[in-house]
Amino acid sequence: MITTTSFKSLIVAQRRHPTEYFWKRCLSMKSQFCEAVVKAGYLSWEQMVSAACRYRLGASKLGGVIFWQIDQDERVRDGKVMYYGPDCHRLKDKLHHPTWVSTLLRQRDPFPNAPHETSHCFFGTHLLTESYFKSHTEITEITDYLLNTDFMDYKDSAAKAAPAQPVPEALSVISEISVCHKKTVCVVEAEKTAVILSELYPQYVWLAAGGLGEVQADKFRPLRGHKVVLFPDTDPDGKAFRRWSEAATLVMNQVFWEDSPPIRVSPLLELHATPDQKSRKIDLVDFLSETNVNNNHNFIH
């Protein structure tokens, strides 16, 4: 976990091993987010371990989850620290405002001249590579670590007491998703949504923009050649749908997108969300949960 005393070592080590040190140092299930996802019933504990391994989730000293932005070349672009309540919704008070790891480094960097300029990518972009872990041994080591890590207050609960899923079976989804050249890439707004849906619908590769306005054209470059479907959140006046539709059109007009399939912006929420759901600005995982859609249902096409 990130602590005040660890920032100097993080900076030094990141210079020596820039592609992996940050996420390995902070890999953890001990965040409010992981606890809330399981307690709210979105995922089982074993599924949460699998998802945490897939997206290399970290934890801050205060229990925030770290959503690392790792690009297709295994470079850590940045990390977003976010805080969630027991209902699995983000805390929005001033004490729990989302924070970028790069910002924290700038605030505490012992090297005044060290650059911390960042360029962000979609959360989960590293999943577009042929293999986002160096070897099966590394996958096993990481999953074993998470499976044996005390999960907040769960060690005496039914979730932790339930028989653990055998490691080889738990790794099957992770191993399969690393070869994704034939899979549809789904882009949602929230990192939470991508993490949860990656377990419920593993036949797709789930990325997150991280915000309504975080769909800049350059972030789509690693998605070239893939079939891409965007799932904007819903709202009463359709602003998110229109904005992401405009972004998709802009990307498809770029030279780098030539010969790539058209980007589809799903109208699922615009067509089927209720007025109440639109007023609450729900996202895809909220909609699927509230409407009890079967996991085998094909809502992509």
Protein backbone atom coordinates (compact mmCIF):
# COMPACT_ATOMS: atom_id res chain seq x y z
CA MET A 1 0.00 0.00 0.00
CA ILE A 2 1.15 3.57 -0.60
CA THR A 3 2.42 5.24 2.57
CA THR A 4 4.33 8.44 3.21
CA THR A 5 7.57 6.59 3.91
CA SER A 6 7.33 4.55 0.73
CA PHE A 7 7.22 7.44 -1.77
CA LYS A 8 10.98 7.82 -2.09
CA SER A 9 11.48 4.11 -2.75
CA LEU A 10 8.55 4.15 -5.20
CA ILE A 11 10.14 6.95 -7.20
CA VAL A 12 13.59 5.32 -7.27
CA ALA A 13 12.22 1.89 -8.15
CA GLN A 14 9.86 3.25 -10.80
CA ARG A 15 12.90 4.68 -12.58
CA ARG A 16 14.61 1.30 -12.51
CA HIS A 17 11.55 -0.82 -13.33
CA PRO A 18 9.04 1.61 -14.86
CA THR A 19 6.73 -1.01 -16.36
CA GLU A 20 5.75 -2.94 -13.28
CA TYR A 21 7.05 -1.68 -9.95
CA PHE A 22 4.17 0.57 -8.98
CA TRP A 23 1.36 -1.92 -9.40
CA LYS A 24 3.32 -4.82 -7.89
CA ARG A 25 4.23 -2.78 -4.83
CA CYS A 26 0.61 -1.79 -4.21
CA LEU A 27 -1.22 -4.97 -5.32
CA SER A 28 -3.86 -5.62 -2.66
CA MET A 29 -7.42 -6.70 -1.93
CA LYS A 30 -7.53 -4.55 1.21
CA SER A 31 -9.58 -1.72 -0.20
CA GLN A 32 -13.09 -0.58 0.60
CA PHE A 33 -13.94 -1.18 -3.04
CA CYS A 34 -13.09 -4.89 -3.03
CA GLU A 35 -14.97 -5.39 0.21
CA ALA A 36 -18.03 -3.52 -1.08
CA VAL A 37 -18.17 -5.40 -4.40
CA VAL A 38 -18.38 -8.73 -2.55
CA LYS A 39 -20.69 -7.57 0.25
CA ALA A 40 -23.06 -5.98 -2.26
CA GLY A 41 -23.28 -9.30 -4.10
CA TYR A 42 -21.83 -8.19 -7.41
CA LEU A 43 -19.04 -10.79 -7.30
CA SER A 44 -17.96 -13.71 -5.15
CA TRP A 45 -14.70 -13.44 -3.24
CA GLU A 46 -12.96 -15.71 -5.76
CA GLN A 47 -14.26 -13.62 -8.65
CA MET A 48 -13.01 -10.46 -6.93
CA VAL A 49 -9.56 -12.02 -6.58
CA SER A 50 -9.58 -12.86 -10.28
CA ALA A 51 -10.65 -9.34 -11.25
CA ALA A 52 -8.11 -7.72 -8.91
CA CYS A 53 -5.39 -9.80 -10.51
CA ARG A 54 -6.60 -8.99 -14.02
CA TYR A 55 -6.64 -5.24 -13.45
CA ARG A 56 -3.78 -5.21 -10.89
CA LEU A 57 -5.83 -3.35 -8.30
CA GLY A 58 -4.02 -1.66 -5.46
CA ALA A 59 -4.98 -0.19 -2.10
CA SER A 60 -4.02 3.04 -0.36
CA LYS A 61 -3.24 3.41 3.33
CA LEU A 62 -6.73 4.79 3.96
CA GLY A 63 -8.52 1.97 2.16
CA GLY A 64 -8.94 3.58 -1.23
CA VAL A 65 -8.68 1.40 -4.31
CA ILE A 66 -5.95 2.22 -6.84
CA PHE A 67 -7.08 1.82 -10.44
CA TRP A 68 -3.79 1.68 -12.35
CA GLN A 69 -3.72 2.93 -15.93
CA ILE A 70 -1.30 0.57 -17.68
CA ASP A 71 -0.88 0.87 -21.43
CA GLN A 72 -0.42 -1.74 -24.14
CA ASP A 73 3.36 -1.60 -23.64
CA GLU A 74 3.07 -2.40 -19.93
CA ARG A 75 3.92 1.15 -18.91
CA VAL A 76 2.20 2.55 -15.85
CA ARG A 77 0.75 5.85 -17.01
CA ASP A 78 -0.86 6.79 -13.68
CA GLY A 79 -3.10 5.49 -10.92
CA LYS A 80 -6.43 6.82 -9.68
CA VAL A 81 -7.13 6.49 -5.95
CA MET A 82 -10.87 6.28 -5.25
CA TYR A 83 -13.01 5.58 -2.20
CA TYR A 84 -16.22 3.56 -2.03
CA GLY A 85 -18.94 3.09 0.56
CA PRO A 86 -20.55 -0.20 1.65
CA ASP A 87 -23.19 0.18 -1.09
CA CYS A 88 -20.38 0.06 -3.69
CA HIS A 89 -20.96 3.65 -4.76
CA ARG A 90 -18.19 6.21 -4.76
CA LEU A 91 -17.83 8.50 -1.76
CA LYS A 92 -18.16 12.08 -2.95
CA ASP A 93 -17.34 14.13 0.14
CA LYS A 94 -14.29 16.39 0.23
CA LEU A 95 -12.25 13.95 2.31
CA HIS A 96 -12.60 11.20 -0.29
CA HIS A 97 -12.09 13.07 -3.52
CA PRO A 98 -10.43 10.97 -6.28
CA THR A 99 -6.67 11.54 -6.40
CA TRP A 100 -4.05 10.72 -9.00
CA VAL A 101 -0.89 8.94 -7.87
CA SER A 102 1.12 11.32 -10.04
CA THR A 103 -0.34 14.22 -8.04
CA LEU A 104 0.66 12.59 -4.76
CA LEU A 105 4.16 12.04 -6.10
CA ARG A 106 4.48 15.68 -7.10
CA GLN A 107 3.39 16.70 -3.62
CA ARG A 108 5.88 14.48 -1.82
CA ASP A 109 8.68 14.00 -4.34
CA PRO A 110 12.07 14.32 -2.57
CA PHE A 111 13.62 15.06 -5.98
CA PRO A 112 12.47 18.61 -6.93
CA ASN A 113 13.52 18.29 -10.57
CA ALA A 114 11.94 14.86 -11.16
CA PRO A 115 9.32 15.01 -13.95
CA HIS A 116 5.88 13.58 -13.23
CA GLU A 117 4.11 14.58 -16.39
CA THR A 118 1.59 11.92 -17.37
CA SER A 119 -0.55 11.06 -20.36
CA HIS A 120 -3.51 8.90 -19.48
CA CYS A 121 -4.91 5.85 -21.24
CA PHE A 122 -8.05 3.78 -20.83
CA PHE A 123 -8.16 1.72 -17.66
CA GLY A 124 -7.48 -1.88 -18.73
CA THR A 125 -5.54 -1.04 -21.90
CA HIS A 126 -2.88 -3.60 -20.90
CA LEU A 127 -5.49 -6.32 -21.55
CA LEU A 128 -5.13 -5.66 -25.28
CA THR A 129 -1.66 -7.19 -25.38
CA GLU A 130 -1.12 -10.82 -26.30
CA SER A 131 -0.18 -11.67 -22.74
CA TYR A 132 -0.30 -9.18 -19.92
CA PHE A 133 1.62 -11.41 -17.54
CA LYS A 134 5.14 -12.60 -18.28
CA SER A 135 4.45 -16.23 -17.43
CA HIS A 136 2.02 -18.66 -15.86
CA THR A 137 4.33 -18.70 -12.85
CA GLU A 138 3.82 -14.97 -12.34
CA ILE A 139 0.04 -15.37 -12.61
CA THR A 140 0.13 -18.14 -9.99
CA GLU A 141 2.31 -16.12 -7.63
CA ILE A 142 0.05 -13.07 -7.85
CA THR A 143 -3.17 -15.03 -7.42
CA ASP A 144 -1.76 -17.06 -4.53
CA TYR A 145 -0.77 -13.81 -2.86
CA LEU A 146 -4.26 -12.36 -3.19
CA LEU A 147 -5.99 -15.60 -2.18
CA ASN A 148 -3.95 -15.71 1.01
CA THR A 149 -4.28 -12.01 1.85
CA ASP A 150 -6.68 -11.19 4.68
CA PHE A 151 -9.67 -9.60 2.97
CA MET A 152 -10.60 -6.76 5.33
CA ASP A 153 -13.08 -8.22 7.86
CA TYR A 154 -13.88 -11.26 5.77
CA LYS A 155 -11.65 -13.86 7.35
CA ASP A 156 -14.42 -14.85 9.78
CA SER A 157 -17.29 -14.26 7.39
CA ALA A 158 -19.15 -16.65 5.15
CA ALA A 159 -17.45 -15.22 2.08
CA LYS A 160 -13.97 -16.02 3.38
CA ALA A 161 -15.07 -19.27 5.05
CA ALA A 162 -16.49 -20.69 1.84
CA PRO A 163 -14.27 -23.22 0.06
CA ALA A 164 -11.76 -21.35 -2.05
CA GLN A 165 -11.87 -21.91 -5.77
CA PRO A 166 -8.85 -23.98 -6.89
CA VAL A 167 -6.13 -21.72 -8.27
CA PRO A 168 -5.92 -23.35 -11.74
CA GLU A 169 -9.67 -22.84 -12.25
CA ALA A 170 -9.53 -19.31 -10.90
CA LEU A 171 -6.77 -18.55 -13.37
CA SER A 172 -8.62 -19.86 -16.40
CA VAL A 173 -10.53 -16.64 -17.10
CA ILE A 174 -7.38 -14.55 -16.57
CA SER A 175 -5.37 -16.71 -18.96
CA GLU A 176 -8.06 -16.76 -21.62
CA ILE A 177 -8.63 -13.01 -21.65
CA SER A 178 -4.94 -12.32 -22.37
CA VAL A 179 -5.46 -13.46 -25.98
CA CYS A 180 -8.11 -10.98 -26.98
CA HIS A 181 -7.52 -10.34 -30.68
CA LYS A 182 -10.89 -11.94 -31.50
CA LYS A 183 -12.84 -10.42 -28.64
CA THR A 184 -15.08 -7.39 -28.71
CA VAL A 185 -13.73 -4.48 -26.67
CA CYS A 186 -16.33 -2.76 -24.48
CA VAL A 187 -15.61 0.69 -23.08
CA VAL A 188 -17.61 1.92 -20.09
CA GLU A 189 -17.25 5.08 -18.05
CA ALA A 190 -16.42 3.78 -14.56
CA GLU A 191 -13.52 1.54 -13.57
CA LYS A 192 -15.88 -0.21 -11.13
CA THR A 193 -18.12 -1.24 -14.00
CA ALA A 194 -15.25 -2.67 -16.05
CA VAL A 195 -13.93 -4.67 -13.09
CA ILE A 196 -17.30 -6.23 -12.27
CA LEU A 197 -18.40 -6.95 -15.83
CA SER A 198 -15.05 -8.54 -16.70
CA GLU A 199 -16.08 -11.42 -14.44
CA LEU A 200 -19.76 -11.55 -15.39
CA TYR A 201 -19.12 -11.29 -19.14
CA PRO A 202 -15.56 -12.58 -19.72
CA GLN A 203 -16.25 -13.11 -23.44
CA TYR A 204 -15.56 -9.38 -23.86
CA VAL A 205 -12.59 -7.20 -22.95
CA TRP A 206 -13.72 -4.44 -20.59
CA LEU A 207 -12.01 -1.03 -20.49
CA ALA A 208 -13.02 2.14 -18.67
CA ALA A 209 -12.63 5.74 -19.77
CA GLY A 210 -12.69 6.97 -16.19
CA GLY A 211 -15.07 9.84 -16.87
CA LEU A 212 -17.60 11.28 -19.30
CA GLY A 213 -15.00 13.50 -20.96
CA GLU A 214 -12.18 10.95 -21.02
CA VAL A 215 -12.72 9.59 -24.54
CA GLN A 216 -10.02 11.50 -26.41
CA ALA A 217 -9.13 10.10 -29.82
CA ASP A 218 -5.53 9.20 -28.95
CA LYS A 219 -6.73 6.78 -26.29
CA PHE A 220 -8.32 4.67 -29.03
CA ARG A 221 -5.04 4.02 -30.87
CA PRO A 222 -4.36 0.72 -29.05
CA LEU A 223 -7.89 -0.39 -30.00
CA ARG A 224 -7.20 -0.31 -33.73
CA GLY A 225 -8.44 -3.41 -35.51
CA HIS A 226 -10.80 -4.38 -32.69
CA LYS A 227 -14.55 -4.36 -32.72
CA VAL A 228 -15.38 -1.64 -30.19
CA VAL A 229 -18.66 -0.91 -28.40
CA LEU A 230 -19.06 2.13 -26.14
CA PHE A 231 -21.48 2.07 -23.20
CA PRO A 232 -21.98 5.63 -21.91
CA ASP A 233 -23.85 6.20 -18.66
CA THR A 234 -27.41 7.41 -18.99
CA ASP A 235 -28.92 10.75 -17.95
CA PRO A 236 -32.28 12.53 -18.36
CA ASP A 237 -31.34 14.51 -21.48
CA GLY A 238 -29.08 11.98 -23.25
CA LYS A 239 -25.98 14.17 -22.91
CA ALA A 240 -23.60 11.26 -22.29
CA PHE A 241 -24.89 9.29 -25.27
CA ARG A 242 -24.53 12.27 -27.61
CA ARG A 243 -21.08 13.15 -26.34
CA TRP A 244 -19.73 9.62 -26.76
CA SER A 245 -21.38 9.33 -30.18
CA GLU A 246 -19.55 12.47 -31.25
CA ALA A 247 -16.29 11.08 -29.85
CA ALA A 248 -16.78 7.81 -31.78
CA THR A 249 -17.34 9.72 -35.02
CA LEU A 250 -14.20 11.76 -34.40
CA VAL A 251 -12.12 8.63 -33.84
CA MET A 252 -13.45 6.90 -36.95
CA ASN A 253 -12.41 9.96 -39.00
CA GLN A 254 -8.81 9.64 -37.81
CA VAL A 255 -6.23 8.20 -40.19
CA PHE A 256 -5.13 5.62 -37.64
CA TRP A 257 -8.65 4.09 -37.59
CA GLU A 258 -8.68 3.28 -41.30
CA ASP A 259 -9.56 -0.37 -42.00
CA SER A 260 -10.81 -0.81 -38.44
CA PRO A 261 -14.44 -1.81 -37.75
CA PRO A 262 -16.89 1.02 -37.05
CA ILE A 263 -17.21 2.00 -33.40
CA ARG A 264 -20.69 1.34 -32.07
CA VAL A 265 -22.25 3.40 -29.29
CA SER A 266 -24.77 1.19 -27.54
CA PRO A 267 -28.26 2.74 -27.13
CA LEU A 268 -29.18 0.11 -24.52
CA LEU A 269 -29.55 2.50 -21.60
CA GLU A 270 -31.12 5.26 -23.69
CA LEU A 271 -33.81 2.88 -24.93
CA HIS A 272 -34.48 0.74 -21.88
CA ALA A 273 -33.58 2.69 -18.72
CA THR A 274 -36.57 4.03 -16.83
CA PRO A 275 -37.01 7.76 -16.13
CA ASP A 276 -36.02 7.09 -12.52
CA GLN A 277 -32.84 5.29 -13.61
CA LYS A 278 -31.97 8.13 -15.97
CA SER A 279 -32.49 10.68 -13.21
CA ARG A 280 -30.01 8.68 -11.10
CA LYS A 281 -27.58 8.57 -14.04
CA ILE A 282 -27.03 4.84 -13.73
CA ASP A 283 -24.40 2.94 -15.66
CA LEU A 284 -24.42 -0.47 -17.34
CA VAL A 285 -23.67 -2.54 -14.24
CA ASP A 286 -26.47 -0.78 -12.32
CA PHE A 287 -28.91 -1.45 -15.15
CA LEU A 288 -27.99 -5.12 -15.46
CA SER A 289 -28.23 -5.56 -11.70
CA GLU A 290 -31.56 -3.77 -11.32
CA THR A 291 -33.17 -5.54 -14.27
CA ASN A 292 -31.80 -8.99 -13.36
CA VAL A 293 -30.40 -9.64 -16.82
CA ASN A 294 -29.06 -13.17 -17.20
CA ASN A 295 -25.29 -13.39 -17.68
CA ASN A 296 -25.84 -15.34 -20.88
CA HIS A 297 -27.90 -12.55 -22.39
CA ASN A 298 -26.25 -11.00 -25.44
CA PHE A 299 -26.77 -7.25 -25.04
CA ILE A 300 -23.73 -6.24 -27.06
CA HIS A 301 -25.23 -6.68 -30.50
